[in-house]
Amino acid sequence: MAGASPDIMASTVAAPLERRLGTIADVQVFGGTPHAVRIDLDMHALAAKGLTANDISNVLIAANVSSPQGVLSDGHTDTTVVANDAMQTPAEFGALLISSKNGVPVRLSDVASVYSGEQDKYQAAWFGGTRRCAIRSAAPTRPMPSSTIRSSVGAAVEVSLLISIVLVMLVMLVFLRRMRPTLIAMLSVPLSLAGAFVVIEFSVTLTAAVVISALVSLTLTPALCGKFLVQDAPGVVRVKSRTELAVERFDRNLHHRYERALDWAMRHAAGDAGSVFLLLLLTR
């Protein structure tokens, strides 16, 4: 391939050699297009021979059809024989027989200029005023071990479950305002999750979680309430703990702020309706 352009050398020689290396996953050639045999038809010569461009196209398609050459069989195994007899060089294309006029063969080189080039001759790259070509090789990516994936997913799931349990506990504490009822209600969460993990399957996980949660709520939770919760005697004022007092203050402040926000919203109903439409427009 003496005298070939750098991009042809890169795409036909260097890139295939690198792809055959076991340490290379992908090879990309920049600054040129894949090698191709270019054919420039001479319309005057075609007219003189009584041929058209469509005739040349049909002959080229028929000459480059890749089809099985035959089948070898020993009665047990069938082997299809395929030979790569497609034309590769300009000389082979130029010697292609197009037709015969008055017993004289007409070859492609008689009616066209056949030469080696690129698929897109208008695409190229230059660096420093000189035409250049670059090759980028990518090393194969190593797959992450399954044990590492499982440990990462497991850690993320554990953190998510822990955050969910803490949030549920805080919500119940704000509404119940007492630690004992909150702790009793919280016991149903890990027990329901543990029961769901025992019977975990893709089709019944949600159903099992709902059923087990219902069983825990109807059996264990009432039993614990009857054991640890004591009704205050008439006329006896129970002393509240610091945690309960802090939760009550937080609830009162939150309720007060909510009342003020609701009053403002009721006084500016038209503005609230406009803000809803504005939010819809901004989130489209």
Protein backbone atom coordinates (compact mmCIF):
# COMPACT_ATOMS: atom_id res chain seq x y z
CA MET A 1 0.00 0.00 0.00
CA ALA A 2 2.84 2.34 -0.91
CA GLY A 3 1.82 5.99 -1.26
CA ALA A 4 -1.42 5.54 0.68
CA SER A 5 -2.67 8.46 2.77
CA PRO A 6 -2.19 8.38 6.56
CA ASP A 7 -5.88 7.83 7.30
CA ILE A 8 -5.99 4.81 4.95
CA MET A 9 -2.89 3.36 6.62
CA ALA A 10 -4.43 3.96 10.04
CA SER A 11 -7.82 2.39 9.24
CA THR A 12 -6.56 -0.59 7.21
CA VAL A 13 -3.24 -1.44 8.91
CA ALA A 14 -2.74 0.12 12.34
CA ALA A 15 -6.30 -0.14 13.69
CA PRO A 16 -6.80 -3.85 12.82
CA LEU A 17 -3.44 -4.70 14.39
CA GLU A 18 -4.39 -2.97 17.64
CA ARG A 19 -7.82 -4.66 17.69
CA ARG A 20 -6.12 -8.03 17.61
CA LEU A 21 -4.26 -7.23 20.82
CA GLY A 22 -5.88 -8.73 23.88
CA THR A 23 -5.41 -5.55 25.92
CA ILE A 24 -7.36 -3.27 23.55
CA ALA A 25 -11.16 -3.07 23.74
CA ASP A 26 -11.86 -0.45 21.08
CA VAL A 27 -9.90 1.48 18.46
CA GLN A 28 -11.12 4.73 16.90
CA VAL A 29 -9.52 6.50 13.95
CA PHE A 30 -9.86 10.29 13.76
CA GLY A 31 -9.00 12.52 10.84
CA GLY A 32 -10.29 10.36 8.01
CA THR A 33 -12.89 7.91 6.83
CA PRO A 34 -12.70 4.16 6.11
CA HIS A 35 -10.83 3.05 3.03
CA ALA A 36 -12.86 2.58 -0.15
CA VAL A 37 -12.32 2.03 -3.86
CA ARG A 38 -13.67 5.08 -5.68
CA ILE A 39 -15.13 4.90 -9.20
CA ASP A 40 -15.58 8.05 -11.30
CA LEU A 41 -17.71 7.27 -14.35
CA ASP A 42 -16.93 8.78 -17.75
CA MET A 43 -20.40 9.64 -19.06
CA HIS A 44 -19.16 10.18 -22.63
CA ALA A 45 -17.48 6.76 -22.69
CA LEU A 46 -20.65 5.19 -21.27
CA ALA A 47 -22.79 6.81 -23.95
CA ALA A 48 -20.41 5.65 -26.67
CA LYS A 49 -20.70 2.06 -25.38
CA GLY A 50 -24.48 2.29 -25.05
CA LEU A 51 -24.34 1.89 -21.26
CA THR A 52 -25.80 3.80 -18.32
CA ALA A 53 -24.76 4.40 -14.74
CA ASN A 54 -27.51 2.01 -13.64
CA ASP A 55 -25.89 -0.77 -15.68
CA ILE A 56 -22.59 -0.21 -13.85
CA SER A 57 -24.38 -0.23 -10.48
CA ASN A 58 -26.11 -3.54 -11.22
CA VAL A 59 -22.87 -5.20 -12.31
CA LEU A 60 -21.04 -3.99 -9.17
CA ILE A 61 -23.81 -5.27 -6.90
CA ALA A 62 -23.87 -8.66 -8.61
CA ALA A 63 -20.07 -8.97 -8.45
CA ASN A 64 -19.91 -8.35 -4.68
CA VAL A 65 -22.70 -10.62 -3.45
CA SER A 66 -21.52 -12.73 -0.50
CA SER A 67 -23.26 -16.09 -0.62
CA PRO A 68 -22.42 -19.66 0.45
CA GLN A 69 -20.33 -21.57 -2.09
CA GLY A 70 -21.64 -24.98 -1.06
CA VAL A 71 -22.23 -27.44 1.77
CA LEU A 72 -20.04 -30.29 3.02
CA SER A 73 -21.80 -33.13 4.84
CA ASP A 74 -20.73 -36.46 6.31
CA GLY A 75 -24.25 -37.53 7.23
CA HIS A 76 -23.96 -36.18 10.77
CA THR A 77 -22.56 -32.68 10.42
CA ASP A 78 -23.24 -30.07 7.72
CA THR A 79 -20.58 -27.42 7.04
CA THR A 80 -21.32 -24.39 4.88
CA VAL A 81 -18.42 -23.26 2.70
CA VAL A 82 -18.11 -19.49 2.39
CA ALA A 83 -15.32 -17.89 0.35
CA ASN A 84 -14.51 -14.19 0.56
CA ASP A 85 -14.14 -13.52 -3.15
CA ALA A 86 -15.18 -9.86 -3.02
CA MET A 87 -13.00 -7.43 -4.92
CA GLN A 88 -10.62 -5.38 -2.80
CA THR A 89 -8.23 -3.41 -5.02
CA PRO A 90 -8.75 -0.86 -7.79
CA ALA A 91 -7.09 -3.26 -10.27
CA GLU A 92 -9.67 -5.95 -9.51
CA PHE A 93 -12.52 -3.48 -9.97
CA GLY A 94 -11.02 -2.10 -13.14
CA ALA A 95 -10.80 -5.58 -14.70
CA LEU A 96 -14.49 -6.24 -14.01
CA LEU A 97 -16.35 -7.19 -17.19
CA ILE A 98 -19.27 -4.85 -17.77
CA SER A 99 -20.63 -6.00 -21.12
CA SER A 100 -19.61 -7.20 -24.55
CA LYS A 101 -20.15 -5.08 -27.66
CA ASN A 102 -19.70 -6.81 -31.03
CA GLY A 103 -17.60 -9.52 -29.38
CA VAL A 104 -15.34 -6.95 -27.70
CA PRO A 105 -15.36 -7.06 -23.88
CA VAL A 106 -16.02 -3.78 -22.09
CA ARG A 107 -14.39 -3.52 -18.68
CA LEU A 108 -14.95 -1.02 -15.93
CA SER A 109 -11.60 0.67 -16.53
CA ASP A 110 -12.76 1.45 -20.11
CA VAL A 111 -15.61 3.67 -18.93
CA ALA A 112 -14.46 4.88 -15.50
CA SER A 113 -11.49 5.99 -13.45
CA VAL A 114 -10.92 3.49 -10.62
CA TYR A 115 -8.61 4.43 -7.74
CA SER A 116 -8.05 3.92 -4.03
CA GLY A 117 -9.48 6.52 -1.66
CA GLU A 118 -11.81 7.12 1.26
CA GLN A 119 -15.55 6.77 1.64
CA ASP A 120 -15.83 10.55 2.14
CA LYS A 121 -13.02 12.40 0.43
CA TYR A 122 -14.18 15.75 1.87
CA GLN A 123 -13.59 14.70 5.47
CA ALA A 124 -10.08 15.16 6.87
CA ALA A 125 -8.14 16.68 9.76
CA TRP A 126 -5.18 19.00 9.88
CA PHE A 127 -2.79 19.93 12.67
CA GLY A 128 -0.21 22.68 12.31
CA GLY A 129 -1.07 23.09 8.63
CA THR A 130 -0.36 19.41 7.88
CA ARG A 131 -2.91 16.69 7.30
CA ARG A 132 -2.82 14.32 10.25
CA CYS A 133 -4.57 11.21 11.52
CA ALA A 134 -5.00 10.08 15.12
CA ILE A 135 -5.79 6.70 16.68
CA ARG A 136 -7.38 6.39 20.10
CA SER A 137 -7.23 3.03 21.88
CA ALA A 138 -9.45 2.18 24.82
CA ALA A 139 -8.52 -0.41 27.39
CA PRO A 140 -11.22 -2.93 28.35
CA THR A 141 -13.23 -2.05 31.42
CA ARG A 142 -13.05 -4.53 34.23
CA PRO A 143 -16.46 -5.62 35.49
CA MET A 144 -17.15 -4.88 39.13
CA PRO A 145 -17.19 -8.07 41.24
CA SER A 146 -20.66 -9.22 42.19
CA SER A 147 -19.68 -9.26 45.86
CA THR A 148 -18.78 -5.57 45.70
CA ILE A 149 -22.10 -4.75 44.00
CA ARG A 150 -24.05 -6.68 46.61
CA SER A 151 -22.22 -5.01 49.48
CA SER A 152 -22.77 -1.53 48.01
CA VAL A 153 -26.47 -2.15 47.40
CA GLY A 154 -26.86 -3.72 50.82
CA ALA A 155 -25.25 -0.75 52.55
CA ALA A 156 -27.48 1.70 50.68
CA VAL A 157 -30.60 -0.30 51.56
CA GLU A 158 -29.63 -0.48 55.23
CA VAL A 159 -29.07 3.29 55.44
CA SER A 160 -32.40 3.96 53.69
CA LEU A 161 -34.26 1.65 56.08
CA LEU A 162 -32.60 3.24 59.10
CA ILE A 163 -33.53 6.75 57.94
CA SER A 164 -37.12 5.62 57.27
CA ILE A 165 -37.46 4.11 60.76
CA VAL A 166 -36.11 7.27 62.41
CA LEU A 167 -38.50 9.49 60.44
CA VAL A 168 -41.47 7.28 61.34
CA MET A 169 -40.48 7.45 65.01
CA LEU A 170 -40.22 11.25 64.95
CA VAL A 171 -43.63 11.63 63.29
CA MET A 172 -45.30 9.33 65.82
CA LEU A 173 -43.56 11.10 68.72
CA VAL A 174 -44.88 14.47 67.55
CA PHE A 175 -48.46 13.22 67.36
CA LEU A 176 -48.49 10.91 70.40
CA ARG A 177 -46.29 13.21 72.56
CA ARG A 178 -45.31 10.31 74.82
CA MET A 179 -42.27 8.06 74.66
CA ARG A 180 -43.82 4.75 75.76
CA PRO A 181 -46.61 4.65 73.12
CA THR A 182 -44.07 5.75 70.52
CA LEU A 183 -41.62 2.97 71.40
CA ILE A 184 -44.41 0.37 71.43
CA ALA A 185 -45.59 1.47 67.99
CA MET A 186 -42.02 1.49 66.74
CA LEU A 187 -41.57 -2.19 67.60
CA SER A 188 -43.98 -3.12 64.83
CA VAL A 189 -41.75 -1.62 62.13
CA PRO A 190 -38.63 -3.86 62.45
CA LEU A 191 -40.78 -6.92 63.22
CA SER A 192 -42.82 -6.37 60.05
CA LEU A 193 -39.65 -5.91 57.98
CA ALA A 194 -38.05 -9.00 59.47
CA GLY A 195 -41.14 -11.06 58.70
CA ALA A 196 -41.20 -9.77 55.12
CA PHE A 197 -37.53 -10.74 54.66
CA VAL A 198 -38.29 -14.28 55.79
CA VAL A 199 -40.79 -14.84 52.98
CA ILE A 200 -39.15 -12.53 50.46
CA GLU A 201 -40.05 -13.34 46.85
CA PHE A 202 -40.64 -10.97 43.97
CA SER A 203 -44.33 -11.75 43.64
CA VAL A 204 -45.35 -11.85 47.31
CA THR A 205 -43.03 -9.38 49.07
CA LEU A 206 -45.55 -6.52 49.26
CA THR A 207 -48.42 -8.84 50.20
CA ALA A 208 -46.35 -10.52 52.92
CA ALA A 209 -45.29 -7.17 54.36
CA VAL A 210 -48.91 -5.97 54.57
CA VAL A 211 -50.14 -9.22 56.15
CA ILE A 212 -47.32 -9.40 58.71
CA SER A 213 -47.72 -5.72 59.59
CA ALA A 214 -51.45 -6.28 60.18
CA LEU A 215 -50.77 -9.30 62.40
CA VAL A 216 -48.20 -7.41 64.48
CA SER A 217 -50.55 -4.43 64.86
CA LEU A 218 -53.46 -6.63 65.96
CA THR A 219 -51.53 -8.88 68.34
CA LEU A 220 -48.20 -7.60 69.67
CA THR A 221 -48.99 -3.88 69.79
CA PRO A 222 -52.19 -4.22 71.88
CA ALA A 223 -50.45 -6.66 74.21
CA LEU A 224 -47.58 -4.25 74.84
CA CYS A 225 -49.99 -1.38 75.37
CA GLY A 226 -51.91 -3.38 77.96
CA LYS A 227 -48.67 -4.31 79.73
CA PHE A 228 -46.77 -1.01 79.84
CA LEU A 229 -49.39 1.73 79.46
CA VAL A 230 -51.24 2.62 82.66
CA GLN A 231 -54.27 4.90 82.72
CA ASP A 232 -53.91 7.87 85.00
CA ALA A 233 -56.08 7.76 88.11
CA PRO A 234 -58.87 10.36 88.37
CA GLY A 235 -57.65 13.63 89.82
CA VAL A 236 -53.98 12.68 89.43
CA VAL A 237 -51.88 14.91 87.20
CA ARG A 238 -49.08 13.02 85.55
CA VAL A 239 -45.70 14.73 85.51
CA LYS A 240 -44.50 15.06 81.93
CA SER A 241 -40.90 14.34 81.03
CA ARG A 242 -38.57 16.85 79.40
CA THR A 243 -38.90 15.04 76.07
CA GLU A 244 -42.69 15.29 76.16
CA LEU A 245 -42.54 18.99 77.07
CA ALA A 246 -40.10 19.69 74.25
CA VAL A 247 -42.32 17.84 71.77
CA GLU A 248 -45.37 19.79 72.95
CA ARG A 249 -43.55 23.11 72.47
CA PHE A 250 -42.46 22.08 69.00
CA ASP A 251 -46.02 21.02 68.13
CA ARG A 252 -47.50 24.28 69.42
CA ASN A 253 -44.99 26.39 67.49
CA LEU A 254 -45.59 24.38 64.34
CA HIS A 255 -49.37 24.68 64.77
CA HIS A 256 -49.09 28.44 65.30
CA ARG A 257 -46.96 28.91 62.18
CA TYR A 258 -49.37 26.78 60.17
CA GLU A 259 -52.33 28.90 61.35
CA ARG A 260 -50.57 32.11 60.32
CA ALA A 261 -49.66 30.68 56.90
CA LEU A 262 -53.22 29.41 56.38
CA ASP A 263 -54.73 32.78 57.35
CA TRP A 264 -52.43 34.58 54.92
CA ALA A 265 -53.33 32.11 52.15
CA MET A 266 -57.07 32.60 52.75
CA ARG A 267 -56.66 36.39 52.55
CA HIS A 268 -54.74 36.07 49.25
CA ALA A 269 -56.69 33.32 47.50
CA ALA A 270 -56.25 34.87 44.06
CA GLY A 271 -52.49 35.00 44.47
CA ASP A 272 -52.40 31.36 45.58
CA ALA A 273 -54.29 30.31 42.47
CA GLY A 274 -51.85 32.23 40.30
CA SER A 275 -48.88 30.64 42.06
CA VAL A 276 -50.27 27.19 41.26
CA PHE A 277 -50.41 27.97 37.54
CA LEU A 278 -46.93 29.54 37.70
CA LEU A 279 -45.57 26.41 39.37
CA LEU A 280 -47.12 24.26 36.66
CA LEU A 281 -45.50 26.38 33.97
CA LEU A 282 -42.08 26.29 35.62
CA THR A 283 -42.13 22.54 36.09
CA ARG A 284 -43.18 21.61 32.56
